[in-house]
Amino acid sequence: MKLTVIKIGGNVIDNQEFCTQFLQDFSEIPAPKILIHGGGKIATQMAEKLGIETVMVDGRRITDKAMLDVVTMVYGGLVNKNLVAKLQSFGTNAIGLTGADGGVIRSIKRPVKTVDYGFVGDIEAVDSTQIAGMLKQGLTPVCAPLTFDKDGNMLNTNADTQAQAVATAMAKEYEVNLVYCFEKKGVLSDPEDDDSVISELKPADYEAHKASGAIYKGMIPKLDNAFKALEEGVAQVTICHAGEVKQAVKEGISGTRLTLS
């Protein structure tokens, strides 16, 4: 059976009109399906209101105890439940989850190397049986970028990595199509030209584009996760504009499709 796993980032969530249109399109994609979402700027805005400083290192949030409380409230509550409610209005019977709910995604706290990221989780296990049970009940899981550890701590977790881990785990039972949706039309050969979409990307091409500087910063960990998913059994991986998700899933004619050969 086919399963679609879709990840949306903060730039989609932060734009209410854009996000609503995406959710309507997502609702028209046949089940079974899973939505995994990032956090966006709302956690930073909420932290500011509460007088909590946001510290970033190389674009990654340092999650101390105070910030962990904020991201748990915002990602697991405000963002997640608003997405679930909107999906219900479009006829998708969604269920909002963090990794702790049903024990679906367990992590370990990231060990300190050069930077102490605080309460940040590196995924250790995904309970694919539990998630499959929800899918078989006709539910659509909507996963916040939060997991938990064996000591009962909530952990802030990268949503791109979470999407890869969930897709890989579900690939044991389903033919999985993993789609990363963001604000660009796909992977670009020229970062200044939004129309320079690479329709198909292989590992050798990826290395060449990294060496030339065409692919850099945040796209690198996203693509690393995407190729890892293919290597670990995911049938198809696409990176596309959130506004073209239906074309990417139903017709396979949008964005950048990744292949191993």
C-alpha atoms as a PDB file:
ATOM      1  CA  MET A   1       0.000   0.000   0.000  1.00  0.00           C
ATOM      2  CA  LYS A   2       1.181   3.529  -0.758  1.00  0.00           C
ATOM      3  CA  LEU A   3       1.753   6.076   2.019  1.00  0.00           C
ATOM      4  CA  THR A   4       2.504   9.771   1.581  1.00  0.00           C
ATOM      5  CA  VAL A   5       4.650  11.501   4.224  1.00  0.00           C
ATOM      6  CA  ILE A   6       4.773  15.282   3.827  1.00  0.00           C
ATOM      7  CA  LYS A   7       6.885  17.762   5.747  1.00  0.00           C
ATOM      8  CA  ILE A   8       6.170  21.496   5.828  1.00  0.00           C
ATOM      9  CA  GLY A   9       8.533  24.113   7.180  1.00  0.00           C
ATOM     10  CA  GLY A  10       8.174  27.280   9.165  1.00  0.00           C
ATOM     11  CA  ASN A  11       7.905  29.552   6.142  1.00  0.00           C
ATOM     12  CA  VAL A  12       4.662  27.788   5.195  1.00  0.00           C
ATOM     13  CA  ILE A  13       3.285  27.869   8.736  1.00  0.00           C
ATOM     14  CA  ASP A  14       4.174  31.550   9.225  1.00  0.00           C
ATOM     15  CA  ASN A  15       2.042  32.627   6.234  1.00  0.00           C
ATOM     16  CA  GLN A  16      -1.562  31.992   7.287  1.00  0.00           C
ATOM     17  CA  GLU A  17      -3.116  32.290   3.826  1.00  0.00           C
ATOM     18  CA  PHE A  18      -0.410  30.132   2.235  1.00  0.00           C
ATOM     19  CA  CYS A  19      -0.717  27.544   5.020  1.00  0.00           C
ATOM     20  CA  THR A  20      -4.506  27.328   4.691  1.00  0.00           C
ATOM     21  CA  GLN A  21      -4.222  26.688   0.960  1.00  0.00           C
ATOM     22  CA  PHE A  22      -1.600  24.010   1.575  1.00  0.00           C
ATOM     23  CA  LEU A  23      -3.832  22.258   4.124  1.00  0.00           C
ATOM     24  CA  GLN A  24      -6.727  22.277   1.685  1.00  0.00           C
ATOM     25  CA  ASP A  25      -4.484  20.732  -0.991  1.00  0.00           C
ATOM     26  CA  PHE A  26      -3.128  18.216   1.531  1.00  0.00           C
ATOM     27  CA  SER A  27      -6.693  17.176   2.349  1.00  0.00           C
ATOM     28  CA  GLU A  28      -7.238  16.239  -1.297  1.00  0.00           C
ATOM     29  CA  ILE A  29      -4.292  13.831  -1.321  1.00  0.00           C
ATOM     30  CA  PRO A  30      -5.527  10.249  -0.861  1.00  0.00           C
ATOM     31  CA  ALA A  31      -5.017   8.580   2.511  1.00  0.00           C
ATOM     32  CA  PRO A  32      -3.067   7.057   4.133  1.00  0.00           C
ATOM     33  CA  LYS A  33      -0.862  10.088   4.754  1.00  0.00           C
ATOM     34  CA  ILE A  34       1.178  11.733   7.496  1.00  0.00           C
ATOM     35  CA  LEU A  35       1.987  15.424   7.976  1.00  0.00           C
ATOM     36  CA  ILE A  36       5.114  16.527   9.834  1.00  0.00           C
ATOM     37  CA  HIS A  37       5.546  20.218  10.580  1.00  0.00           C
ATOM     38  CA  GLY A  38       8.271  22.573  11.673  1.00  0.00           C
ATOM     39  CA  GLY A  39       7.845  25.420  14.106  1.00  0.00           C
ATOM     40  CA  GLY A  40       8.278  28.707  12.302  1.00  0.00           C
ATOM     41  CA  LYS A  41       8.847  32.043  13.970  1.00  0.00           C
ATOM     42  CA  ILE A  42       5.985  31.707  16.456  1.00  0.00           C
ATOM     43  CA  ALA A  43       8.178  30.174  19.168  1.00  0.00           C
ATOM     44  CA  THR A  44      10.646  33.069  18.868  1.00  0.00           C
ATOM     45  CA  GLN A  45       7.792  35.587  19.071  1.00  0.00           C
ATOM     46  CA  MET A  46       6.273  33.833  22.094  1.00  0.00           C
ATOM     47  CA  ALA A  47       9.650  33.654  23.838  1.00  0.00           C
ATOM     48  CA  GLU A  48      10.088  37.399  23.310  1.00  0.00           C
ATOM     49  CA  LYS A  49       6.682  38.082  24.899  1.00  0.00           C
ATOM     50  CA  LEU A  50       7.730  35.976  27.898  1.00  0.00           C
ATOM     51  CA  GLY A  51      11.111  37.718  28.182  1.00  0.00           C
ATOM     52  CA  ILE A  52      13.082  34.609  27.151  1.00  0.00           C
ATOM     53  CA  GLU A  53      16.098  35.165  24.923  1.00  0.00           C
ATOM     54  CA  THR A  54      16.382  33.161  21.708  1.00  0.00           C
ATOM     55  CA  VAL A  55      19.913  31.904  21.030  1.00  0.00           C
ATOM     56  CA  MET A  56      20.781  30.446  17.618  1.00  0.00           C
ATOM     57  CA  VAL A  57      24.034  28.760  16.521  1.00  0.00           C
ATOM     58  CA  ASP A  58      24.429  28.197  12.748  1.00  0.00           C
ATOM     59  CA  GLY A  59      20.681  28.579  12.335  1.00  0.00           C
ATOM     60  CA  ARG A  60      19.874  26.041  15.055  1.00  0.00           C
ATOM     61  CA  ARG A  61      17.983  26.931  18.211  1.00  0.00           C
ATOM     62  CA  ILE A  62      19.641  26.406  21.590  1.00  0.00           C
ATOM     63  CA  THR A  63      16.923  24.816  23.717  1.00  0.00           C
ATOM     64  CA  ASP A  64      17.498  25.469  27.423  1.00  0.00           C
ATOM     65  CA  LYS A  65      14.779  24.605  29.965  1.00  0.00           C
ATOM     66  CA  ALA A  66      12.921  27.891  29.492  1.00  0.00           C
ATOM     67  CA  MET A  67      12.986  27.574  25.695  1.00  0.00           C
ATOM     68  CA  LEU A  68      11.926  23.923  25.938  1.00  0.00           C
ATOM     69  CA  ASP A  69       8.766  25.065  27.760  1.00  0.00           C
ATOM     70  CA  VAL A  70       8.109  27.572  24.964  1.00  0.00           C
ATOM     71  CA  VAL A  71       8.602  25.154  22.045  1.00  0.00           C
ATOM     72  CA  THR A  72       6.530  22.476  23.778  1.00  0.00           C
ATOM     73  CA  MET A  73       3.666  24.947  24.203  1.00  0.00           C
ATOM     74  CA  VAL A  74       3.981  26.428  20.724  1.00  0.00           C
ATOM     75  CA  TYR A  75       4.896  23.444  18.544  1.00  0.00           C
ATOM     76  CA  GLY A  76       2.949  20.761  20.409  1.00  0.00           C
ATOM     77  CA  GLY A  77       0.030  23.030  21.279  1.00  0.00           C
ATOM     78  CA  LEU A  78      -0.632  26.211  19.346  1.00  0.00           C
ATOM     79  CA  VAL A  79       0.819  25.254  15.948  1.00  0.00           C
ATOM     80  CA  ASN A  80      -0.087  21.568  15.995  1.00  0.00           C
ATOM     81  CA  LYS A  81      -3.673  21.969  17.176  1.00  0.00           C
ATOM     82  CA  ASN A  82      -4.416  24.819  14.767  1.00  0.00           C
ATOM     83  CA  LEU A  83      -3.226  22.608  11.888  1.00  0.00           C
ATOM     84  CA  VAL A  84      -5.362  19.721  13.141  1.00  0.00           C
ATOM     85  CA  ALA A  85      -8.455  21.916  13.520  1.00  0.00           C
ATOM     86  CA  LYS A  86      -8.056  23.363  10.030  1.00  0.00           C
ATOM     87  CA  LEU A  87      -7.612  19.878   8.532  1.00  0.00           C
ATOM     88  CA  GLN A  88     -10.817  18.753  10.235  1.00  0.00           C
ATOM     89  CA  SER A  89     -12.631  21.621   8.484  1.00  0.00           C
ATOM     90  CA  PHE A  90     -11.359  20.261   5.150  1.00  0.00           C
ATOM     91  CA  GLY A  91     -12.585  16.738   5.883  1.00  0.00           C
ATOM     92  CA  THR A  92      -9.298  15.167   6.999  1.00  0.00           C
ATOM     93  CA  ASN A  93      -9.655  13.298  10.299  1.00  0.00           C
ATOM     94  CA  ALA A  94      -6.332  14.441  11.742  1.00  0.00           C
ATOM     95  CA  ILE A  95      -4.785  13.556  15.082  1.00  0.00           C
ATOM     96  CA  GLY A  96      -2.081  15.801  16.525  1.00  0.00           C
ATOM     97  CA  LEU A  97       0.981  14.147  18.029  1.00  0.00           C
ATOM     98  CA  THR A  98       4.317  14.821  19.600  1.00  0.00           C
ATOM     99  CA  GLY A  99       6.768  11.948  19.701  1.00  0.00           C
ATOM    100  CA  ALA A 100       5.720  11.292  23.306  1.00  0.00           C
ATOM    101  CA  ASP A 101       2.079  10.596  22.393  1.00  0.00           C
ATOM    102  CA  GLY A 102       1.714   6.842  22.109  1.00  0.00           C
ATOM    103  CA  GLY A 103       5.510   6.686  22.398  1.00  0.00           C
ATOM    104  CA  VAL A 104       5.727   7.080  18.628  1.00  0.00           C
ATOM    105  CA  ILE A 105       9.162   8.773  18.382  1.00  0.00           C
ATOM    106  CA  ARG A 106      11.823   8.323  21.055  1.00  0.00           C
ATOM    107  CA  SER A 107      15.102  10.221  21.051  1.00  0.00           C
ATOM    108  CA  ILE A 108      18.285  10.650  23.029  1.00  0.00           C
ATOM    109  CA  LYS A 109      19.417  14.065  24.229  1.00  0.00           C
ATOM    110  CA  ARG A 110      22.089  15.291  21.855  1.00  0.00           C
ATOM    111  CA  PRO A 111      25.525  14.821  23.411  1.00  0.00           C
ATOM    112  CA  VAL A 112      27.641  17.930  23.870  1.00  0.00           C
ATOM    113  CA  LYS A 113      30.499  18.201  21.395  1.00  0.00           C
ATOM    114  CA  THR A 114      31.512  21.735  20.442  1.00  0.00           C
ATOM    115  CA  VAL A 115      28.058  23.206  21.170  1.00  0.00           C
ATOM    116  CA  ASP A 116      25.574  22.379  23.930  1.00  0.00           C
ATOM    117  CA  TYR A 117      22.221  22.513  22.156  1.00  0.00           C
ATOM    118  CA  GLY A 118      20.367  21.757  25.385  1.00  0.00           C
ATOM    119  CA  PHE A 119      17.130  19.775  25.209  1.00  0.00           C
ATOM    120  CA  VAL A 120      17.492  18.726  21.584  1.00  0.00           C
ATOM    121  CA  GLY A 121      16.709  15.174  20.526  1.00  0.00           C
ATOM    122  CA  ASP A 122      18.467  12.855  18.096  1.00  0.00           C
ATOM    123  CA  ILE A 123      15.938  10.227  17.025  1.00  0.00           C
ATOM    124  CA  GLU A 124      16.553   6.727  18.340  1.00  0.00           C
ATOM    125  CA  ALA A 125      13.339   4.815  17.483  1.00  0.00           C
ATOM    126  CA  VAL A 126      10.032   5.227  15.640  1.00  0.00           C
ATOM    127  CA  ASP A 127       7.103   2.975  16.612  1.00  0.00           C
ATOM    128  CA  SER A 128       5.832   2.196  13.117  1.00  0.00           C
ATOM    129  CA  THR A 129       3.266  -0.284  14.466  1.00  0.00           C
ATOM    130  CA  GLN A 130       1.605   2.410  16.559  1.00  0.00           C
ATOM    131  CA  ILE A 131       1.521   4.856  13.625  1.00  0.00           C
ATOM    132  CA  ALA A 132       0.217   2.164  11.248  1.00  0.00           C
ATOM    133  CA  GLY A 133      -2.578   1.459  13.741  1.00  0.00           C
ATOM    134  CA  MET A 134      -3.701   5.085  13.534  1.00  0.00           C
ATOM    135  CA  LEU A 135      -3.566   5.025   9.734  1.00  0.00           C
ATOM    136  CA  LYS A 136      -5.655   1.847   9.645  1.00  0.00           C
ATOM    137  CA  GLN A 137      -8.287   3.595  11.791  1.00  0.00           C
ATOM    138  CA  GLY A 138      -8.566   6.272   9.100  1.00  0.00           C
ATOM    139  CA  LEU A 139      -6.642   8.874  11.098  1.00  0.00           C
ATOM    140  CA  THR A 140      -4.036  11.240   9.641  1.00  0.00           C
ATOM    141  CA  PRO A 141      -1.178  11.831  12.118  1.00  0.00           C
ATOM    142  CA  VAL A 142       0.077  15.421  12.318  1.00  0.00           C
ATOM    143  CA  CYS A 143       3.458  15.343  14.057  1.00  0.00           C
ATOM    144  CA  ALA A 144       5.021  18.287  15.865  1.00  0.00           C
ATOM    145  CA  PRO A 145       8.841  18.578  15.938  1.00  0.00           C
ATOM    146  CA  LEU A 146       9.030  17.273  19.507  1.00  0.00           C
ATOM    147  CA  THR A 147      10.136  13.860  20.763  1.00  0.00           C
ATOM    148  CA  PHE A 148      10.899  12.353  24.182  1.00  0.00           C
ATOM    149  CA  ASP A 149      13.613  10.346  25.919  1.00  0.00           C
ATOM    150  CA  LYS A 150      13.572   7.328  28.248  1.00  0.00           C
ATOM    151  CA  ASP A 151      13.802   9.649  31.278  1.00  0.00           C
ATOM    152  CA  GLY A 152      10.568  11.402  30.335  1.00  0.00           C
ATOM    153  CA  ASN A 153      12.038  14.623  28.966  1.00  0.00           C
ATOM    154  CA  MET A 154      10.490  16.382  25.983  1.00  0.00           C
ATOM    155  CA  LEU A 155      13.101  17.196  23.319  1.00  0.00           C
ATOM    156  CA  ASN A 156      13.102  19.742  20.502  1.00  0.00           C
ATOM    157  CA  THR A 157      13.749  17.804  17.274  1.00  0.00           C
ATOM    158  CA  ASN A 158      14.590  18.803  13.703  1.00  0.00           C
ATOM    159  CA  ALA A 159      11.468  18.310  11.558  1.00  0.00           C
ATOM    160  CA  ASP A 160      13.396  17.364   8.382  1.00  0.00           C
ATOM    161  CA  THR A 161      15.156  14.588  10.284  1.00  0.00           C
ATOM    162  CA  GLN A 162      11.868  13.542  11.862  1.00  0.00           C
ATOM    163  CA  ALA A 163      10.242  13.250   8.427  1.00  0.00           C
ATOM    164  CA  GLN A 164      13.111  11.069   7.209  1.00  0.00           C
ATOM    165  CA  ALA A 165      12.969   8.849  10.301  1.00  0.00           C
ATOM    166  CA  VAL A 166       9.195   8.378  10.116  1.00  0.00           C
ATOM    167  CA  ALA A 167       9.256   7.717   6.351  1.00  0.00           C
ATOM    168  CA  THR A 168      12.061   5.168   6.760  1.00  0.00           C
ATOM    169  CA  ALA A 169      10.287   3.354   9.596  1.00  0.00           C
ATOM    170  CA  MET A 170       6.999   3.209   7.675  1.00  0.00           C
ATOM    171  CA  ALA A 171       8.793   1.904   4.547  1.00  0.00           C
ATOM    172  CA  LYS A 172       8.918  -1.540   6.180  1.00  0.00           C
ATOM    173  CA  GLU A 173       5.147  -1.827   5.657  1.00  0.00           C
ATOM    174  CA  TYR A 174       4.262   0.745   2.983  1.00  0.00           C
ATOM    175  CA  GLU A 175       5.522   2.080  -0.336  1.00  0.00           C
ATOM    176  CA  VAL A 176       6.447   5.520   0.976  1.00  0.00           C
ATOM    177  CA  ASN A 177       6.510   8.778  -0.969  1.00  0.00           C
ATOM    178  CA  LEU A 178       8.317  11.414   1.117  1.00  0.00           C
ATOM    179  CA  VAL A 179       7.733  15.035   0.106  1.00  0.00           C
ATOM    180  CA  TYR A 180       9.549  18.028   1.607  1.00  0.00           C
ATOM    181  CA  CYS A 181       7.455  21.177   0.986  1.00  0.00           C
ATOM    182  CA  PHE A 182       8.833  24.674   1.399  1.00  0.00           C
ATOM    183  CA  GLU A 183       8.695  28.124  -0.214  1.00  0.00           C
ATOM    184  CA  LYS A 184      10.871  27.365  -3.274  1.00  0.00           C
ATOM    185  CA  LYS A 185       9.863  25.395  -6.396  1.00  0.00           C
ATOM    186  CA  GLY A 186      12.498  22.754  -5.681  1.00  0.00           C
ATOM    187  CA  VAL A 187      16.281  22.478  -5.496  1.00  0.00           C
ATOM    188  CA  LEU A 188      17.742  25.344  -7.548  1.00  0.00           C
ATOM    189  CA  SER A 189      20.870  25.277  -9.704  1.00  0.00           C
ATOM    190  CA  ASP A 190      21.033  29.081  -9.291  1.00  0.00           C
ATOM    191  CA  PRO A 191      19.903  30.306  -5.843  1.00  0.00           C
ATOM    192  CA  GLU A 192      19.095  33.715  -7.365  1.00  0.00           C
ATOM    193  CA  ASP A 193      16.767  32.246 -10.008  1.00  0.00           C
ATOM    194  CA  ASP A 194      13.576  30.718  -8.610  1.00  0.00           C
ATOM    195  CA  ASP A 195      12.882  29.034 -11.947  1.00  0.00           C
ATOM    196  CA  SER A 196      16.210  27.165 -12.139  1.00  0.00           C
ATOM    197  CA  VAL A 197      14.673  23.999 -10.692  1.00  0.00           C
ATOM    198  CA  ILE A 198      16.716  20.807 -10.965  1.00  0.00           C
ATOM    199  CA  SER A 199      14.087  18.251 -11.996  1.00  0.00           C
ATOM    200  CA  GLU A 200      16.161  15.218 -10.977  1.00  0.00           C
ATOM    201  CA  LEU A 201      19.038  15.127  -8.502  1.00  0.00           C
ATOM    202  CA  LYS A 202      21.495  12.238  -8.072  1.00  0.00           C
ATOM    203  CA  PRO A 203      24.196  11.989  -5.367  1.00  0.00           C
ATOM    204  CA  ALA A 204      27.029  12.885  -7.778  1.00  0.00           C
ATOM    205  CA  ASP A 205      25.136  15.972  -9.004  1.00  0.00           C
ATOM    206  CA  TYR A 206      24.400  16.929  -5.404  1.00  0.00           C
ATOM    207  CA  GLU A 207      28.111  16.833  -4.524  1.00  0.00           C
ATOM    208  CA  ALA A 208      28.935  18.941  -7.597  1.00  0.00           C
ATOM    209  CA  HIS A 209      26.313  21.578  -6.748  1.00  0.00           C
ATOM    210  CA  LYS A 210      27.583  21.719  -3.149  1.00  0.00           C
ATOM    211  CA  ALA A 211      31.155  22.189  -4.388  1.00  0.00           C
ATOM    212  CA  SER A 212      30.073  25.045  -6.685  1.00  0.00           C
ATOM    213  CA  GLY A 213      28.133  26.747  -3.881  1.00  0.00           C
ATOM    214  CA  ALA A 214      24.773  26.450  -5.659  1.00  0.00           C
ATOM    215  CA  ILE A 215      23.455  24.259  -2.832  1.00  0.00           C
ATOM    216  CA  TYR A 216      24.367  25.604   0.595  1.00  0.00           C
ATOM    217  CA  LYS A 217      23.233  26.360   4.157  1.00  0.00           C
ATOM    218  CA  GLY A 218      19.822  24.916   5.100  1.00  0.00           C
ATOM    219  CA  MET A 219      19.403  22.909   1.906  1.00  0.00           C
ATOM    220  CA  ILE A 220      22.341  20.664   2.784  1.00  0.00           C
ATOM    221  CA  PRO A 221      20.874  18.979   5.902  1.00  0.00           C
ATOM    222  CA  LYS A 222      17.490  18.757   4.120  1.00  0.00           C
ATOM    223  CA  LEU A 223      19.058  16.934   1.158  1.00  0.00           C
ATOM    224  CA  ASP A 224      21.236  14.776   3.402  1.00  0.00           C
ATOM    225  CA  ASN A 225      18.054  13.585   5.121  1.00  0.00           C
ATOM    226  CA  ALA A 226      16.322  13.082   1.769  1.00  0.00           C
ATOM    227  CA  PHE A 227      19.088  10.901   0.309  1.00  0.00           C
ATOM    228  CA  LYS A 228      19.340   8.954   3.576  1.00  0.00           C
ATOM    229  CA  ALA A 229      15.614   8.155   3.279  1.00  0.00           C
ATOM    230  CA  LEU A 230      16.150   6.702  -0.211  1.00  0.00           C
ATOM    231  CA  GLU A 231      19.132   4.680   0.973  1.00  0.00           C
ATOM    232  CA  GLU A 232      17.029   3.214   3.785  1.00  0.00           C
ATOM    233  CA  GLY A 233      14.099   2.016   1.702  1.00  0.00           C
ATOM    234  CA  VAL A 234      11.815   5.000   1.000  1.00  0.00           C
ATOM    235  CA  ALA A 235      10.443   4.567  -2.527  1.00  0.00           C
ATOM    236  CA  GLN A 236      10.371   8.210  -3.650  1.00  0.00           C
ATOM    237  CA  VAL A 237      11.570  11.573  -2.338  1.00  0.00           C
ATOM    238  CA  THR A 238      10.545  14.950  -3.767  1.00  0.00           C
ATOM    239  CA  ILE A 239      11.360  18.509  -2.736  1.00  0.00           C
ATOM    240  CA  CYS A 240       8.817  21.045  -3.975  1.00  0.00           C
ATOM    241  CA  HIS A 241       6.900  24.273  -3.401  1.00  0.00           C
ATOM    242  CA  ALA A 242       4.112  23.836  -0.850  1.00  0.00           C
ATOM    243  CA  GLY A 243       1.676  25.287  -3.371  1.00  0.00           C
ATOM    244  CA  GLU A 244       2.439  22.457  -5.808  1.00  0.00           C
ATOM    245  CA  VAL A 245       2.100  19.518  -3.436  1.00  0.00           C
ATOM    246  CA  LYS A 246      -0.851  17.978  -5.296  1.00  0.00           C
ATOM    247  CA  GLN A 247       1.058  17.979  -8.592  1.00  0.00           C
ATOM    248  CA  ALA A 248       4.117  16.503  -6.870  1.00  0.00           C
ATOM    249  CA  VAL A 249       2.176  13.684  -5.221  1.00  0.00           C
ATOM    250  CA  LYS A 250      -0.523  12.862  -7.752  1.00  0.00           C
ATOM    251  CA  GLU A 251       1.316  13.533 -11.010  1.00  0.00           C
ATOM    252  CA  GLY A 252       5.001  13.554 -10.085  1.00  0.00           C
ATOM    253  CA  ILE A 253       5.578  16.623 -12.260  1.00  0.00           C
ATOM    254  CA  SER A 254       6.609  19.235  -9.716  1.00  0.00           C
ATOM    255  CA  GLY A 255       9.772  20.075  -7.841  1.00  0.00           C
ATOM    256  CA  THR A 256      12.984  18.084  -7.628  1.00  0.00           C
ATOM    257  CA  ARG A 257      12.877  14.301  -7.539  1.00  0.00           C
ATOM    258  CA  LEU A 258      15.832  12.603  -5.856  1.00  0.00           C
ATOM    259  CA  THR A 259      17.245   9.353  -7.185  1.00  0.00           C
ATOM    260  CA  LEU A 260      20.220   7.215  -6.171  1.00  0.00           C
ATOM    261  CA  SER A 261      21.290   6.362  -9.741  1.00  0.00           C
END
